[in-house]
Protein backbone atom coordinates (compact mmCIF):
# COMPACT_ATOMS: atom_id res chain seq x y z
CA MET A 1 -51.87 53.13 -8.25
CA GLY A 2 -48.17 51.36 -8.08
CA LEU A 3 -47.28 48.15 -9.34
CA ASP A 4 -48.64 44.93 -8.14
CA LEU A 5 -45.20 43.44 -7.04
CA ARG A 6 -46.91 40.65 -5.25
CA PRO A 7 -45.55 37.23 -6.37
CA CYS A 8 -47.92 35.39 -9.42
CA ALA A 9 -50.00 32.56 -8.24
CA ILE A 10 -52.67 30.76 -10.38
CA ALA A 11 -55.55 28.76 -8.57
CA LEU A 12 -57.84 26.26 -11.03
CA MET A 13 -61.51 26.08 -9.23
CA GLY A 14 -63.62 23.73 -11.05
CA PRO A 15 -66.32 20.93 -10.03
CA THR A 16 -64.98 17.55 -10.62
CA ALA A 17 -63.86 16.14 -13.29
CA SER A 18 -63.84 18.84 -15.20
CA GLY A 19 -59.89 18.36 -15.94
CA LYS A 20 -57.85 20.47 -12.94
CA SER A 21 -55.40 17.63 -12.60
CA ALA A 22 -54.22 17.38 -15.95
CA TYR A 23 -54.26 21.35 -17.35
CA ALA A 24 -52.23 21.94 -13.57
CA ILE A 25 -49.64 19.41 -14.76
CA GLU A 26 -49.23 21.18 -18.19
CA LEU A 27 -49.19 24.58 -16.45
CA ALA A 28 -46.60 23.10 -14.25
CA ARG A 29 -44.32 21.56 -17.10
CA ARG A 30 -45.07 24.22 -18.93
CA HIS A 31 -44.50 27.64 -15.96
CA GLY A 32 -42.35 26.14 -14.27
CA GLY A 33 -45.03 25.59 -11.48
CA GLU A 34 -45.37 23.32 -8.58
CA ILE A 35 -49.15 22.14 -7.72
CA VAL A 36 -50.98 22.80 -4.53
CA SER A 37 -54.02 20.34 -4.23
CA VAL A 38 -56.40 22.22 -2.95
CA ASP A 39 -58.01 18.76 -2.60
CA SER A 40 -59.89 17.08 1.03
CA ALA A 41 -60.08 13.91 0.12
CA LEU A 42 -56.17 13.39 -1.75
CA VAL A 43 -55.06 14.52 1.95
CA TYR A 44 -55.82 10.64 2.72
CA ARG A 45 -53.48 7.63 2.06
CA GLY A 46 -55.15 4.81 0.35
CA LEU A 47 -57.41 6.98 -1.45
CA ASP A 48 -56.28 6.40 -4.87
CA ILE A 49 -58.66 5.57 -6.83
CA GLY A 50 -61.54 7.21 -6.25
CA ALA A 51 -61.17 10.04 -5.27
CA ALA A 52 -58.98 10.61 -8.86
CA LYS A 53 -55.55 11.47 -7.25
CA PRO A 54 -52.58 12.12 -9.59
CA THR A 55 -50.63 8.91 -9.74
CA ARG A 56 -47.26 8.44 -9.38
CA GLU A 57 -46.71 8.93 -13.54
CA GLU A 58 -48.56 11.87 -12.89
CA GLN A 59 -46.76 13.71 -9.62
CA ALA A 60 -43.37 12.99 -11.27
CA GLN A 61 -44.12 14.70 -14.15
CA ALA A 62 -44.39 17.76 -11.67
CA PRO A 63 -43.70 18.34 -8.26
CA HIS A 64 -47.00 18.04 -5.89
CA HIS A 65 -47.58 19.00 -2.68
CA LEU A 66 -50.67 18.58 -0.10
CA ILE A 67 -51.46 14.91 -1.14
CA ASP A 68 -51.10 11.51 1.01
CA LEU A 69 -50.60 14.11 4.47
CA ARG A 70 -53.17 11.33 7.19
CA GLU A 71 -54.53 8.53 7.76
CA PRO A 72 -57.84 7.71 6.60
CA TRP A 73 -59.35 7.55 10.25
CA GLN A 74 -57.14 11.01 11.44
CA PRO A 75 -58.76 14.60 11.10
CA TYR A 76 -57.73 17.14 9.16
CA SER A 77 -59.70 20.59 9.27
CA ALA A 78 -59.74 23.75 7.15
CA ALA A 79 -57.18 25.78 9.57
CA GLU A 80 -54.75 22.83 9.65
CA PHE A 81 -55.01 23.09 5.57
CA ALA A 82 -54.16 26.94 5.28
CA ALA A 83 -51.42 26.74 7.25
CA ASP A 84 -49.84 23.54 5.62
CA ALA A 85 -50.40 25.20 2.26
CA GLN A 86 -49.43 28.57 3.25
CA ARG A 87 -45.98 26.92 3.73
CA ALA A 88 -45.85 24.90 0.68
CA ILE A 89 -46.54 28.22 -1.35
CA ASP A 90 -43.45 29.95 0.98
CA GLY A 91 -41.24 27.09 -0.48
CA ILE A 92 -42.48 27.55 -4.25
CA VAL A 93 -41.86 31.29 -4.37
CA ALA A 94 -38.80 30.79 -2.49
CA ARG A 95 -37.98 28.31 -5.02
CA GLY A 96 -38.54 31.27 -7.99
CA ARG A 97 -41.19 28.89 -9.18
CA LEU A 98 -44.89 29.76 -10.05
CA PRO A 99 -47.67 28.12 -7.15
CA ILE A 100 -50.49 26.90 -8.63
CA LEU A 101 -53.27 25.72 -6.44
CA ALA A 102 -55.71 23.21 -7.84
CA GLY A 103 -58.72 21.90 -7.04
CA GLY A 104 -62.31 21.69 -5.84
CA THR A 105 -62.59 21.89 -2.70
CA GLY A 106 -64.57 25.29 -1.61
CA LEU A 107 -63.91 25.65 2.12
CA TYR A 108 -60.20 24.77 1.52
CA PHE A 109 -59.94 27.76 -1.15
CA ARG A 110 -61.90 29.70 0.78
CA ALA A 111 -59.55 29.67 4.33
CA LEU A 112 -56.31 29.70 1.76
CA LEU A 113 -57.31 32.61 -0.15
CA GLU A 114 -59.62 34.41 1.83
CA GLY A 115 -58.12 33.68 5.64
CA LEU A 116 -60.66 32.07 8.24
CA SER A 117 -62.85 33.70 11.05
CA ASP A 118 -60.87 33.09 14.63
CA MET A 119 -63.51 30.63 15.34
CA PRO A 120 -63.36 28.08 18.88
CA GLU A 121 -61.39 25.45 17.33
CA ALA A 122 -62.31 21.67 16.82
CA ASP A 123 -62.87 20.46 20.76
CA GLU A 124 -62.76 16.01 20.45
CA ALA A 125 -65.21 15.84 23.00
CA MET A 126 -67.76 17.87 22.24
CA ARG A 127 -67.25 15.87 18.29
CA ALA A 128 -67.31 12.71 20.13
CA ALA A 129 -70.56 14.05 22.19
CA ILE A 130 -72.34 15.10 18.87
CA THR A 131 -71.12 11.58 17.19
CA ALA A 132 -73.06 9.90 19.96
CA ASP A 133 -76.03 12.25 19.59
CA ALA A 134 -76.31 11.16 15.64
CA GLN A 135 -76.30 8.07 15.77
CA ALA A 136 -78.79 7.95 18.54
CA ARG A 137 -81.04 10.54 16.64
CA GLY A 138 -80.07 10.68 13.16
CA TRP A 139 -78.10 13.51 11.21
CA ALA A 140 -81.06 14.40 10.10
CA ALA A 141 -82.65 15.40 13.49
CA LEU A 142 -79.39 17.92 14.22
CA HIS A 143 -79.98 19.26 11.11
CA ALA A 144 -83.07 20.26 12.34
CA GLU A 145 -81.16 21.42 15.64
CA LEU A 146 -79.12 23.44 13.97
CA ALA A 147 -82.37 24.96 11.90
CA THR A 148 -83.23 26.01 15.15
CA VAL A 149 -79.86 28.09 16.46
CA ASP A 150 -78.21 28.93 12.95
CA PRO A 151 -81.50 29.20 10.17
CA ALA A 152 -78.62 30.26 8.09
CA ALA A 153 -75.81 27.70 8.56
CA ALA A 154 -78.46 25.06 8.11
CA ALA A 155 -80.06 26.40 4.78
CA ARG A 156 -76.62 26.22 3.52
CA ILE A 157 -75.62 22.53 5.15
CA HIS A 158 -77.34 19.75 3.39
CA ALA A 159 -79.08 17.73 5.84
CA THR A 160 -76.53 14.45 5.13
CA ASP A 161 -73.36 16.32 5.11
CA ALA A 162 -72.71 15.17 9.05
CA GLN A 163 -69.20 17.12 8.54
CA ARG A 164 -70.39 20.63 8.45
CA ILE A 165 -73.90 19.90 10.74
CA GLN A 166 -71.03 18.40 13.15
CA ARG A 167 -68.57 21.65 13.33
CA ALA A 168 -71.50 24.36 13.19
CA LEU A 169 -73.44 22.42 16.26
CA GLU A 170 -69.59 22.28 17.80
CA VAL A 171 -68.73 25.99 17.42
CA PHE A 172 -72.24 26.66 18.64
CA ARG A 173 -71.99 24.79 21.71
CA LEU A 174 -68.50 25.89 22.68
CA SER A 175 -69.07 29.91 22.52
CA GLY A 176 -73.15 30.51 21.89
CA ARG A 177 -72.60 32.32 19.08
CA PRO A 178 -73.60 30.96 15.62
CA ILE A 179 -70.61 29.65 12.93
CA SER A 180 -72.62 31.87 10.58
CA ASP A 181 -71.75 34.97 12.74
CA TRP A 182 -68.77 33.70 13.15
CA GLN A 183 -68.02 33.19 9.48
CA ARG A 184 -68.92 36.79 9.02
CA GLY A 185 -66.64 38.79 11.76
CA ALA A 186 -63.28 39.21 10.68
CA ARG A 187 -61.13 36.77 8.95
CA GLY A 188 -57.47 36.13 9.34
CA GLN A 189 -54.45 37.09 6.30
CA ARG A 190 -55.69 37.21 2.96
CA LEU A 191 -52.83 34.66 0.40
CA PRO A 192 -50.15 37.49 0.12
CA LEU A 193 -50.19 37.05 -3.73
CA LYS A 194 -51.44 38.08 -7.16
CA THR A 195 -53.53 35.71 -8.02
CA LEU A 196 -55.56 34.50 -11.29
CA LYS A 197 -58.79 32.71 -10.32
CA LEU A 198 -60.12 30.04 -13.00
CA ALA A 199 -63.00 28.31 -13.40
CA LEU A 200 -62.93 25.01 -14.87
CA ALA A 201 -66.16 23.23 -16.19
CA PRO A 202 -67.55 23.20 -19.12
CA PRO A 203 -70.20 25.48 -20.14
CA VAL A 204 -73.01 22.80 -20.75
CA ARG A 205 -73.89 20.74 -16.98
CA ALA A 206 -75.03 17.53 -19.17
CA THR A 207 -71.22 17.55 -20.49
CA LEU A 208 -70.00 17.32 -16.89
CA HIS A 209 -72.36 14.41 -16.21
CA GLU A 210 -71.43 12.19 -19.17
CA ARG A 211 -67.50 13.19 -17.87
CA ILE A 212 -67.91 12.18 -14.27
CA GLU A 213 -69.80 8.70 -15.49
CA ARG A 214 -66.86 7.76 -17.71
CA ARG A 215 -64.37 8.25 -14.97
CA PHE A 216 -66.79 6.62 -13.17
CA ASP A 217 -66.07 3.59 -14.59
CA ALA A 218 -62.51 4.21 -15.35
CA MET A 219 -62.42 3.53 -11.70
CA LEU A 220 -64.34 1.01 -11.32
CA ASP A 221 -62.44 -1.16 -14.49
CA ALA A 222 -58.89 0.33 -12.79
CA GLY A 223 -59.79 -1.20 -9.32
CA PHE A 224 -62.08 1.15 -7.39
CA LEU A 225 -63.78 -1.52 -4.99
CA ASP A 226 -60.06 -3.39 -4.68
CA GLU A 227 -59.21 -0.35 -2.84
CA VAL A 228 -62.20 0.49 -1.14
CA ARG A 229 -61.46 -3.64 0.33
CA SER A 230 -58.20 -2.81 1.25
CA LEU A 231 -59.83 -0.02 3.44
CA ARG A 232 -61.84 -2.19 4.79
CA ALA A 233 -59.07 -4.49 6.00
CA ARG A 234 -57.02 -1.45 7.90
CA PRO A 235 -57.01 -2.87 10.90
CA GLU A 236 -57.78 0.71 12.64
CA LEU A 237 -61.01 0.83 9.94
CA ALA A 238 -62.04 -2.42 10.56
CA SER A 239 -62.16 -1.89 14.62
CA HIS A 240 -63.63 1.73 13.92
CA PRO A 241 -67.57 1.85 15.35
CA HIS A 242 -68.73 3.80 12.60
CA PRO A 243 -66.58 4.52 9.85
CA LEU A 244 -68.74 6.10 7.55
CA ASP A 245 -68.79 8.90 9.92
CA LEU A 246 -64.98 9.06 9.33
CA PRO A 247 -64.82 12.42 6.84
CA ALA A 248 -62.51 10.22 4.62
CA LEU A 249 -64.54 7.87 4.04
CA ARG A 250 -67.80 10.46 3.46
CA ALA A 251 -65.80 11.25 -0.08
CA VAL A 252 -67.97 11.24 -3.28
CA GLY A 253 -67.70 7.06 -4.03
CA TYR A 254 -66.24 5.69 -1.69
CA ARG A 255 -69.46 5.74 0.91
CA GLN A 256 -71.26 3.88 -1.72
CA ALA A 257 -68.62 1.51 -2.30
CA TRP A 258 -68.54 0.64 1.65
CA GLU A 259 -72.29 0.18 1.50
CA HIS A 260 -72.35 -1.84 -1.38
CA LEU A 261 -69.62 -4.16 0.53
CA ASP A 262 -71.67 -4.32 3.33
CA GLY A 263 -74.67 -5.59 0.93
CA ALA A 264 -76.60 -2.82 1.04
CA SER A 265 -76.67 -2.90 -3.09
CA SER A 266 -76.20 -4.22 -6.23
CA GLN A 267 -73.14 -3.39 -8.56
CA GLY A 268 -75.58 -1.52 -10.97
CA GLU A 269 -77.29 0.14 -7.57
CA PHE A 270 -73.84 0.75 -6.71
CA ARG A 271 -72.74 2.58 -10.00
CA GLU A 272 -75.94 4.57 -10.52
CA ARG A 273 -75.26 5.78 -6.11
CA ALA A 274 -72.07 6.87 -6.58
CA ILE A 275 -72.46 9.01 -9.80
CA ALA A 276 -75.35 10.33 -8.72
CA ALA A 277 -73.55 11.64 -5.63
CA THR A 278 -70.91 12.46 -7.89
CA ARG A 279 -72.95 14.60 -10.02
CA GLN A 280 -74.84 16.33 -6.39
CA LEU A 281 -70.74 17.06 -5.70
CA ALA A 282 -70.62 19.15 -8.67
CA LYS A 283 -73.99 20.76 -8.40
CA ARG A 284 -72.60 22.67 -5.57
CA GLN A 285 -69.26 23.32 -6.17
CA TYR A 286 -71.10 25.18 -9.21
CA THR A 287 -73.26 26.62 -6.55
CA TRP A 288 -69.64 27.50 -4.73
CA LEU A 289 -68.00 28.90 -8.09
CA ARG A 290 -70.69 31.56 -9.12
CA GLY A 291 -69.95 33.04 -5.64
CA GLU A 292 -66.31 33.69 -7.22
CA LEU A 293 -67.39 36.56 -8.84
CA ASP A 294 -63.40 37.69 -10.17
CA ALA A 295 -63.20 34.16 -11.92
CA ARG A 296 -62.76 33.55 -15.35
CA TRP A 297 -64.42 30.47 -16.70
CA PHE A 298 -62.85 27.91 -19.16
CA ASP A 299 -64.00 24.72 -20.35
CA PRO A 300 -60.00 23.42 -20.44
CA LEU A 301 -61.08 20.74 -22.81
CA SER A 302 -62.99 23.03 -25.54
CA GLN A 303 -61.72 26.32 -24.88
CA ARG A 304 -58.22 25.57 -24.27
CA ASP A 305 -56.27 28.09 -26.95
CA ALA A 306 -58.47 30.96 -25.04
CA LEU A 307 -57.58 29.17 -21.53
CA ASP A 308 -53.68 29.22 -22.29
CA ALA A 309 -54.24 33.42 -23.43
CA ALA A 310 -55.61 33.84 -20.19
CA VAL A 311 -52.93 32.59 -18.38
CA ALA A 312 -50.01 33.93 -21.02
CA GLY A 313 -51.39 37.21 -20.37
CA PHE A 314 -51.63 37.32 -16.57
CA LEU A 315 -48.05 35.65 -16.38
CA GLY A 316 -46.93 38.80 -18.78
CA GLN A 317 -45.71 36.32 -21.51
């Protein structure tokens, strides 16, 4: 077998609060890299503190791509992400620099690294009909409907995951074919790079839970609730009939903050709900990561030397 002469890329995958962003910046500075965000919350303007978006100072330390692409009320799909990321990566490679793909959105990583199947595109009329149906019957009822037409999809989609329930029903209603069948079919073009997949996560789940709690308290101290108040004051969101159905506001923490500001919870209840939701997100991310059989696992805090050695070895240094 000949030498693999494809350009290199590093994929930093991992659950929320595992240290991906800080390590990505360090790698970019050390190895002449540029960071491509693989995070479905960071594409939205105004979702800063609660989404742990790199600050202006952090973004100044290394070039960042695919941050602040949309307003919170605007749609953004995995297919759009894959196309945008590919353009960003092409530019990074053309500049002779190292693409560093960093984030925790598994669907985005799959779309970019493996390609997406050629399933039906989003249909706004169909989505509006499904949303209206959900408002009348509830998302749990639509999840039950999904279970009858696509048991495989329903088994892996949580009954409260409105965005994925909507997409699965949309595909079925448009094509008459379950989304799980489409996903098993032929995929598009894979990323034409030699990629080192690194799963960044502490080996003990309780350690991550502690980090999540500390980080959320730091977000509160940094003004997270004021950030959500500013979002609520935006005319496009204030006038939206169901703002919490928007993908941006389904980001972990934002829904709980929005409901708290509506009076649905006390300060303490809001904090506990947001931390619990973040832990649930991390659990789903761990499940996805375990399916990445070619990923190498490290804790960027306690296993830094071994992690650095893995990167250096991959880059031939």
